[in-house]
Amino acid sequence: MTTAAPHAEANSADPGSADAVLGRSTRARAPRLFGTLTAKILAIVFVVAIFAVPLNIGDSYVLTVLTTAAIAAIAATGLNLLTGYAGQISLGHAFFVGAGAFSGQVLGGQLGLPFLLWLPLAALFAGALGALVAPFALRLRGPYLAIVSLGLVYIGIYAARNLPALTGGLNGTVVTAPVAIGPLDFTSLQIGPFLLTREQGMFILCWVILALVLLATANIVRSRSGRAMQAIRDHDLAAEVLGVRRLPSMMNAFIVSSVLGGLAGGLLGVQLQYIRPENFGLDLSIQYVAIIVIGGLASIWGPVLGALFIGLVPVMAIWLSDYLPFIAKPGEQSGVSVSGFGLIVYGILIVVFLLFRRGGLISFFHRPARAPRAPAARAAASDPAPGESTTQKEGPSS
């Protein structure tokens, strides 16, 4: 048996061909992080902004919101890899974020490991939990997988409440894990003559890590494993006929998604400085789903846009509390809380974007792709009109 050459043409009319299923055609090719000159310029602007924004913004609240948005984008990138690229719906992403947060405090706070050790180990611990769950959870599909993953959230909360030596139990724990790389302490970072505050240092750290995560994710979705995930998402039966094994491919997506969730959890713990089991409940999972739907499924920059957009919801709720009586102001008991208002907004936005803008916010920045001309249309365009002389088209005879 012979196999197709790797550089075979992808313009075949057969939608079930190997190139079409594995995403090697122009329309199915995975997006690149720096595919165009505009993308390269925007990437440079993005890197410059990581250092320029904290140096020019002194408001600690704004920096905290933007730092939290970067952490949420890291976690949402992992969920987007599982849901957007692999097509598996999960509502249990908060479980892995919580696992990374609590294990980061145990490794960095209780055991005293340095930042470059405890953060990767916390991410790997969450990935190990994902590897244990994946063989069982991924045998289900669609809403059944969503229900099973939702159970992980409640299992995680129950375990955190009943392990007080590690998590602090119901009262939670103060996060004392160090955030320093050698002489660079991000809680009191100094850049030249500038002595940065903790909020400014955490902003730089989290956004730099987010940039590295985006670069790694862009390469994953362009790899053979990434194309296999997308092939199963688009047409699982055709992909399996071509030899793509569904369970290993989905396990890869599930484990990498868990690792990124644990990475975000470790950063979230040191950002909040105090964590409780209830911080990693269903509302956090819904927030991540809202981020990838609003930002744009199966896109590299979608989680970033979605996280920035969602991060502004609490700010908007606090601002609207002065004008809308049903929103409780901070410290008040009557009315809808800021977090409750956020959940309502998340639900409304998910429905709106799924109905009217399935591409999410990232679709506003993409040019609509020109549809390829059919072979019959190309042939008709090349044929002369009735009565037209073909002498000029044929050219002078030799």
Protein backbone atom coordinates (compact mmCIF):
# COMPACT_ATOMS: atom_id res chain seq x y z
CA MET A 1 0.00 0.00 0.00
CA THR A 2 1.31 3.42 -0.90
CA THR A 3 0.64 6.58 1.06
CA ALA A 4 0.04 10.07 -0.26
CA ALA A 5 3.06 12.29 -0.62
CA PRO A 6 3.38 14.94 2.05
CA HIS A 7 3.32 17.72 -0.54
CA ALA A 8 0.32 16.42 -2.45
CA GLU A 9 -2.12 19.00 -3.67
CA ALA A 10 -4.92 19.87 -1.23
CA ASN A 11 -7.35 21.16 -3.86
CA SER A 12 -9.08 17.83 -4.34
CA ALA A 13 -12.84 17.99 -4.65
CA ASP A 14 -13.21 15.05 -2.28
CA PRO A 15 -14.07 16.50 1.18
CA GLY A 16 -13.00 13.29 2.84
CA SER A 17 -9.49 13.21 1.41
CA ALA A 18 -6.55 12.88 3.76
CA ASP A 19 -5.30 16.40 3.20
CA ALA A 20 -8.72 17.90 3.80
CA VAL A 21 -9.31 15.96 7.00
CA LEU A 22 -5.86 16.53 8.49
CA GLY A 23 -6.12 20.26 7.96
CA ARG A 24 -3.48 20.68 5.23
CA SER A 25 -5.70 22.61 2.86
CA THR A 26 -5.68 26.37 2.83
CA ARG A 27 -8.98 26.68 4.65
CA ALA A 28 -8.21 24.07 7.33
CA ARG A 29 -4.61 25.04 8.06
CA ALA A 30 -4.05 25.94 11.70
CA PRO A 31 -3.52 29.66 12.34
CA ARG A 32 -0.03 30.97 12.78
CA LEU A 33 0.97 33.33 15.53
CA PHE A 34 2.99 35.54 13.15
CA GLY A 35 1.46 34.63 9.80
CA THR A 36 1.47 38.11 8.27
CA LEU A 37 3.46 41.32 8.51
CA THR A 38 0.59 42.90 10.44
CA ALA A 39 0.67 40.05 12.95
CA LYS A 40 4.42 40.47 13.39
CA ILE A 41 4.02 44.20 14.03
CA LEU A 42 1.22 43.58 16.50
CA ALA A 43 3.35 40.97 18.28
CA ILE A 44 6.17 43.51 18.66
CA VAL A 45 3.68 46.07 19.98
CA PHE A 46 2.36 43.43 22.38
CA VAL A 47 5.83 42.76 23.80
CA VAL A 48 6.61 46.48 24.13
CA ALA A 49 3.26 47.07 25.86
CA ILE A 50 4.10 44.44 28.49
CA PHE A 51 6.80 46.74 29.83
CA ALA A 52 5.36 50.10 28.80
CA VAL A 53 1.92 49.72 30.40
CA PRO A 54 3.03 49.13 34.02
CA LEU A 55 5.61 51.91 33.77
CA ASN A 56 2.95 54.42 32.69
CA ILE A 57 -0.02 53.29 34.79
CA GLY A 58 0.16 53.86 38.51
CA ASP A 59 -3.38 52.82 39.39
CA SER A 60 -3.01 49.57 41.33
CA TYR A 61 -6.63 48.54 40.71
CA VAL A 62 -6.30 48.80 36.92
CA LEU A 63 -3.04 46.84 37.00
CA THR A 64 -4.65 44.17 39.19
CA VAL A 65 -7.53 43.81 36.72
CA LEU A 66 -5.14 43.51 33.77
CA THR A 67 -2.90 41.01 35.60
CA THR A 68 -5.91 38.87 36.53
CA ALA A 69 -7.00 39.03 32.88
CA ALA A 70 -3.59 37.70 31.78
CA ILE A 71 -3.90 34.77 34.22
CA ALA A 72 -7.43 34.08 33.00
CA ALA A 73 -6.15 34.15 29.41
CA ILE A 74 -3.56 31.47 30.25
CA ALA A 75 -6.23 29.20 31.72
CA ALA A 76 -8.64 29.96 28.87
CA THR A 77 -5.94 29.14 26.31
CA GLY A 78 -5.78 25.65 27.81
CA LEU A 79 -9.56 25.30 27.70
CA ASN A 80 -9.60 26.64 24.14
CA LEU A 81 -7.14 23.94 23.13
CA LEU A 82 -9.53 21.29 24.48
CA THR A 83 -12.84 22.83 23.42
CA GLY A 84 -11.99 25.00 20.43
CA TYR A 85 -9.36 22.85 18.71
CA ALA A 86 -10.27 19.37 19.98
CA GLY A 87 -14.04 19.91 20.18
CA GLN A 88 -14.49 18.52 23.71
CA ILE A 89 -16.80 20.48 26.02
CA SER A 90 -15.49 20.79 29.57
CA LEU A 91 -16.97 22.57 32.59
CA GLY A 92 -14.34 21.32 35.02
CA HIS A 93 -11.43 23.57 34.14
CA ALA A 94 -11.62 25.28 37.54
CA PHE A 95 -10.66 21.95 39.15
CA PHE A 96 -7.23 22.02 37.50
CA VAL A 97 -6.78 25.72 38.21
CA GLY A 98 -7.49 25.05 41.89
CA ALA A 99 -5.11 22.09 41.90
CA GLY A 100 -2.35 24.34 40.57
CA ALA A 101 -3.11 27.06 43.11
CA PHE A 102 -3.09 24.85 46.21
CA SER A 103 -0.17 22.70 45.08
CA GLY A 104 1.79 25.86 44.30
CA GLN A 105 1.32 27.05 47.88
CA VAL A 106 2.35 23.65 49.26
CA LEU A 107 5.48 23.49 47.09
CA GLY A 108 6.48 27.13 47.25
CA GLY A 109 4.99 28.26 50.54
CA GLN A 110 5.30 25.21 52.81
CA LEU A 111 8.31 23.48 51.25
CA GLY A 112 10.05 26.70 50.26
CA LEU A 113 10.91 25.75 46.68
CA PRO A 114 12.01 28.59 44.38
CA PHE A 115 9.71 30.05 41.77
CA LEU A 116 11.32 28.25 38.83
CA LEU A 117 10.63 24.93 40.56
CA TRP A 118 7.29 25.25 42.30
CA LEU A 119 5.41 26.81 39.36
CA PRO A 120 6.32 24.12 36.77
CA LEU A 121 5.74 21.39 39.38
CA ALA A 122 2.30 22.81 40.19
CA ALA A 123 1.47 22.79 36.46
CA LEU A 124 2.73 19.20 36.11
CA PHE A 125 0.69 18.13 39.14
CA ALA A 126 -2.46 19.45 37.47
CA GLY A 127 -1.41 17.68 34.26
CA ALA A 128 -0.97 14.41 36.17
CA LEU A 129 -4.51 14.75 37.49
CA GLY A 130 -5.67 15.37 33.94
CA ALA A 131 -3.85 12.24 32.77
CA LEU A 132 -5.65 10.20 35.45
CA VAL A 133 -9.07 11.54 34.54
CA ALA A 134 -8.72 11.66 30.75
CA PRO A 135 -8.96 7.92 29.90
CA PHE A 136 -12.32 7.72 31.67
CA ALA A 137 -13.79 11.12 30.85
CA LEU A 138 -12.89 11.12 27.15
CA ARG A 139 -14.83 7.93 26.49
CA LEU A 140 -17.85 10.22 26.68
CA ARG A 141 -18.73 13.00 24.27
CA GLY A 142 -20.76 16.19 24.14
CA PRO A 143 -23.00 16.95 27.11
CA TYR A 144 -21.99 13.72 28.88
CA LEU A 145 -18.38 14.85 29.05
CA ALA A 146 -19.52 18.27 30.27
CA ILE A 147 -21.47 16.66 33.12
CA VAL A 148 -18.55 14.43 34.13
CA SER A 149 -16.13 17.35 34.06
CA LEU A 150 -18.56 19.38 36.11
CA GLY A 151 -18.35 16.72 38.81
CA LEU A 152 -14.62 17.35 39.05
CA VAL A 153 -15.29 20.86 40.35
CA TYR A 154 -17.31 19.60 43.30
CA ILE A 155 -14.82 16.81 43.99
CA GLY A 156 -12.05 19.41 44.09
CA ILE A 157 -13.97 21.66 46.49
CA TYR A 158 -14.77 18.70 48.77
CA ALA A 159 -11.14 17.55 48.79
CA ALA A 160 -9.83 21.07 49.51
CA ARG A 161 -12.23 21.46 52.43
CA ASN A 162 -11.13 18.21 53.99
CA LEU A 163 -7.36 18.61 53.65
CA PRO A 164 -6.72 21.45 56.09
CA ALA A 165 -3.00 20.65 56.43
CA LEU A 166 -2.52 21.38 52.72
CA THR A 167 -5.30 23.79 51.79
CA GLY A 168 -6.35 25.39 55.07
CA GLY A 169 -9.75 23.71 54.93
CA LEU A 170 -12.86 25.87 54.93
CA ASN A 171 -10.93 28.98 55.92
CA GLY A 172 -8.45 28.71 53.04
CA THR A 173 -4.80 29.60 53.24
CA VAL A 174 -2.48 32.55 52.78
CA VAL A 175 -0.21 32.12 49.76
CA THR A 176 3.42 32.77 50.65
CA ALA A 177 5.08 31.12 47.63
CA PRO A 178 8.04 33.21 46.39
CA VAL A 179 7.83 35.07 43.10
CA ALA A 180 11.48 35.63 42.30
CA ILE A 181 13.91 34.47 39.63
CA GLY A 182 17.37 34.81 41.10
CA PRO A 183 17.88 38.47 42.00
CA LEU A 184 14.65 39.50 40.23
CA ASP A 185 11.92 39.68 42.84
CA PHE A 186 8.68 40.57 41.07
CA THR A 187 7.10 41.86 44.27
CA SER A 188 9.69 44.67 44.34
CA LEU A 189 11.16 44.72 40.85
CA GLN A 190 13.63 47.39 39.80
CA ILE A 191 14.15 48.30 36.13
CA GLY A 192 16.91 50.87 35.81
CA PRO A 193 15.98 53.85 37.94
CA PHE A 194 12.38 52.62 38.34
CA LEU A 195 11.40 50.72 41.49
CA LEU A 196 8.17 48.96 40.62
CA THR A 197 5.35 48.07 42.97
CA ARG A 198 4.06 44.55 43.46
CA GLU A 199 1.18 45.16 41.03
CA GLN A 200 3.57 46.37 38.33
CA GLY A 201 5.95 43.45 38.82
CA MET A 202 3.16 40.87 38.74
CA PHE A 203 1.79 42.49 35.57
CA ILE A 204 5.11 42.02 33.78
CA LEU A 205 5.54 38.44 35.03
CA CYS A 206 2.05 37.22 34.10
CA TRP A 207 1.96 38.87 30.69
CA VAL A 208 5.41 37.54 29.77
CA ILE A 209 4.28 34.03 30.73
CA LEU A 210 1.11 34.54 28.69
CA ALA A 211 3.21 35.50 25.64
CA LEU A 212 5.24 32.30 26.00
CA VAL A 213 2.05 30.25 26.39
CA LEU A 214 0.60 31.75 23.20
CA LEU A 215 3.78 30.97 21.29
CA ALA A 216 3.77 27.37 22.54
CA THR A 217 0.07 26.94 21.74
CA ALA A 218 0.52 28.27 18.21
CA ASN A 219 3.18 25.64 17.59
CA ILE A 220 1.07 22.88 19.15
CA VAL A 221 -1.92 23.50 16.89
CA ARG A 222 0.37 23.54 13.84
CA SER A 223 1.99 20.23 14.79
CA ARG A 224 0.87 16.78 13.69
CA SER A 225 -0.86 16.25 17.04
CA GLY A 226 -2.67 19.57 16.70
CA ARG A 227 -3.89 18.73 13.20
CA ALA A 228 -5.12 15.39 14.50
CA MET A 229 -7.16 17.17 17.21
CA GLN A 230 -8.78 19.41 14.63
CA ALA A 231 -9.43 16.52 12.27
CA ILE A 232 -11.31 14.62 14.98
CA ARG A 233 -13.22 17.78 15.89
CA ASP A 234 -14.31 18.37 12.28
CA HIS A 235 -15.01 14.77 11.20
CA ASP A 236 -14.11 12.09 13.70
CA LEU A 237 -15.16 9.12 11.55
CA ALA A 238 -13.18 10.28 8.54
CA ALA A 239 -10.17 10.98 10.76
CA GLU A 240 -10.29 7.49 12.24
CA VAL A 241 -10.56 5.96 8.77
CA LEU A 242 -7.36 7.79 7.85
CA GLY A 243 -5.61 6.34 10.87
CA VAL A 244 -5.98 9.15 13.43
CA ARG A 245 -6.49 7.58 16.84
CA ARG A 246 -9.14 9.50 18.73
CA LEU A 247 -8.36 8.64 22.36
CA PRO A 248 -4.60 9.42 22.32
CA SER A 249 -5.20 12.68 20.45
CA MET A 250 -7.91 13.77 22.87
CA MET A 251 -5.76 12.75 25.83
CA ASN A 252 -2.97 14.98 24.56
CA ALA A 253 -5.38 17.90 24.40
CA PHE A 254 -6.82 17.13 27.84
CA ILE A 255 -3.41 16.87 29.51
CA VAL A 256 -1.99 20.02 27.93
CA SER A 257 -5.18 21.85 28.87
CA SER A 258 -4.79 20.66 32.47
CA VAL A 259 -1.14 21.75 32.57
CA LEU A 260 -2.04 25.26 31.42
CA GLY A 261 -4.86 25.34 33.97
CA GLY A 262 -2.41 24.39 36.73
CA LEU A 263 0.05 27.02 35.51
CA ALA A 264 -2.66 29.68 35.68
CA GLY A 265 -3.72 28.42 39.12
CA GLY A 266 -0.22 28.82 40.53
CA LEU A 267 -0.06 32.40 39.26
CA LEU A 268 -3.58 33.13 40.47
CA GLY A 269 -2.66 31.99 43.98
CA VAL A 270 0.28 34.38 44.30
CA GLN A 271 -1.76 37.14 42.69
CA LEU A 272 -4.66 36.79 45.15
CA GLN A 273 -2.33 36.02 48.09
CA TYR A 274 -5.24 34.26 49.83
CA ILE A 275 -7.23 31.38 48.37
CA ARG A 276 -10.23 29.36 49.54
CA PRO A 277 -11.85 26.24 48.05
CA GLU A 278 -14.85 28.31 46.93
CA ASN A 279 -12.59 30.40 44.70
CA PHE A 280 -12.46 27.48 42.26
CA GLY A 281 -16.13 26.68 41.84
CA LEU A 282 -18.53 26.45 38.93
CA ASP A 283 -18.63 30.21 38.39
CA LEU A 284 -14.91 30.18 37.54
CA SER A 285 -15.43 27.42 34.97
CA ILE A 286 -18.30 29.37 33.43
CA GLN A 287 -16.04 32.42 33.26
CA TYR A 288 -13.45 30.48 31.25
CA VAL A 289 -16.13 29.17 28.88
CA ALA A 290 -17.38 32.74 28.41
CA ILE A 291 -13.85 33.93 27.66
CA ILE A 292 -13.23 31.48 24.83
CA VAL A 293 -16.73 31.89 23.33
CA ILE A 294 -16.64 35.69 23.44
CA GLY A 295 -13.00 35.93 22.39
CA GLY A 296 -13.23 33.33 19.66
CA LEU A 297 -13.04 29.53 19.64
CA ALA A 298 -10.10 27.85 17.92
CA SER A 299 -8.03 31.03 17.74
CA ILE A 300 -4.71 31.95 19.34
CA TRP A 301 -5.56 35.52 20.32
CA GLY A 302 -9.23 34.86 21.14
CA PRO A 303 -8.65 33.99 24.83
CA VAL A 304 -6.64 37.20 25.28
CA LEU A 305 -9.40 39.38 23.86
CA GLY A 306 -12.05 37.48 25.79
CA ALA A 307 -10.14 37.73 29.07
CA LEU A 308 -9.66 41.47 28.68
CA PHE A 309 -13.34 41.89 27.84
CA ILE A 310 -14.53 39.71 30.72
CA GLY A 311 -12.08 41.38 33.09
CA LEU A 312 -13.91 44.66 32.55
CA VAL A 313 -17.27 43.19 33.64
CA PRO A 314 -16.65 43.66 37.41
CA VAL A 315 -15.42 47.21 36.73
CA MET A 316 -18.58 47.86 34.74
CA ALA A 317 -20.74 46.33 37.49
CA ILE A 318 -19.20 48.61 40.12
CA TRP A 319 -19.76 51.61 37.87
CA LEU A 320 -23.38 50.62 37.14
CA SER A 321 -24.13 50.13 40.85
CA ASP A 322 -24.47 53.91 41.12
CA TYR A 323 -27.19 53.95 38.46
CA LEU A 324 -28.98 50.57 38.71
CA PRO A 325 -30.65 49.90 42.07
CA PHE A 326 -30.68 46.10 41.72
CA ILE A 327 -26.86 45.92 41.75
CA ALA A 328 -25.45 45.94 45.28
CA LYS A 329 -22.56 48.27 45.93
CA PRO A 330 -19.40 46.77 47.48
CA GLY A 331 -20.11 46.05 51.14
CA GLU A 332 -23.91 46.06 50.80
CA GLN A 333 -26.08 42.97 51.25
CA SER A 334 -29.21 43.89 49.29
CA GLY A 335 -29.39 43.44 45.53
CA VAL A 336 -27.38 41.42 43.04
CA SER A 337 -23.71 41.14 43.96
CA VAL A 338 -20.95 42.11 41.56
CA SER A 339 -20.02 38.45 41.04
CA GLY A 340 -23.67 37.50 40.51
CA PHE A 341 -24.08 40.30 37.98
CA GLY A 342 -20.97 39.01 36.24
CA LEU A 343 -22.48 35.53 35.88
CA ILE A 344 -25.63 37.03 34.37
CA VAL A 345 -23.57 39.04 31.87
CA TYR A 346 -21.47 35.96 31.00
CA GLY A 347 -24.60 33.94 30.22
CA ILE A 348 -26.15 36.68 28.09
CA LEU A 349 -22.94 37.26 26.14
CA ILE A 350 -22.44 33.55 25.48
CA VAL A 351 -25.94 33.31 23.97
CA VAL A 352 -25.51 36.50 21.95
CA PHE A 353 -22.16 35.50 20.48
CA LEU A 354 -23.24 31.95 19.70
CA LEU A 355 -26.33 33.23 17.89
CA PHE A 356 -24.96 36.24 16.05
CA ARG A 357 -21.15 36.14 16.10
CA ARG A 358 -19.82 32.63 16.43
CA GLY A 359 -16.34 33.76 15.48
CA GLY A 360 -16.13 35.88 18.63
CA LEU A 361 -14.30 39.17 19.02
CA ILE A 362 -11.32 37.89 17.02
CA SER A 363 -13.53 37.67 13.91
CA PHE A 364 -13.70 41.47 13.77
CA PHE A 365 -9.96 41.52 13.06
CA HIS A 366 -9.97 38.85 10.34
CA ARG A 367 -10.49 39.62 6.69
CA PRO A 368 -13.19 37.46 5.12
CA ALA A 369 -11.52 34.74 3.08
CA ARG A 370 -12.19 34.77 -0.64
CA ALA A 371 -13.97 31.65 -1.78
CA PRO A 372 -11.87 29.60 -4.23
CA ARG A 373 -13.22 29.52 -7.76
CA ALA A 374 -14.63 26.20 -8.85
CA PRO A 375 -12.89 24.34 -11.71
CA ALA A 376 -15.95 24.83 -13.93
CA ALA A 377 -15.86 28.59 -13.31
CA ARG A 378 -12.16 28.73 -14.14
CA ALA A 379 -12.75 26.77 -17.34
CA ALA A 380 -15.62 29.05 -18.33
CA ALA A 381 -13.47 32.11 -17.72
CA SER A 382 -10.71 30.71 -19.91
CA ASP A 383 -13.06 29.78 -22.77
CA PRO A 384 -13.70 32.51 -25.35
CA ALA A 385 -17.13 34.05 -25.65
CA PRO A 386 -19.27 33.08 -28.64
CA GLY A 387 -17.97 34.78 -31.74
CA GLU A 388 -14.71 35.88 -30.06
CA SER A 389 -11.54 35.19 -31.97
CA THR A 390 -9.00 32.95 -30.27
CA THR A 391 -6.08 34.26 -32.29
CA GLN A 392 -4.93 36.69 -29.62
CA LYS A 393 -5.21 34.10 -26.84
CA GLU A 394 -3.32 31.47 -28.78
CA GLY A 395 -0.55 33.90 -29.73
CA PRO A 396 1.58 33.74 -32.84
CA SER A 397 2.33 30.28 -34.12
CA SER A 398 5.91 29.21 -34.23
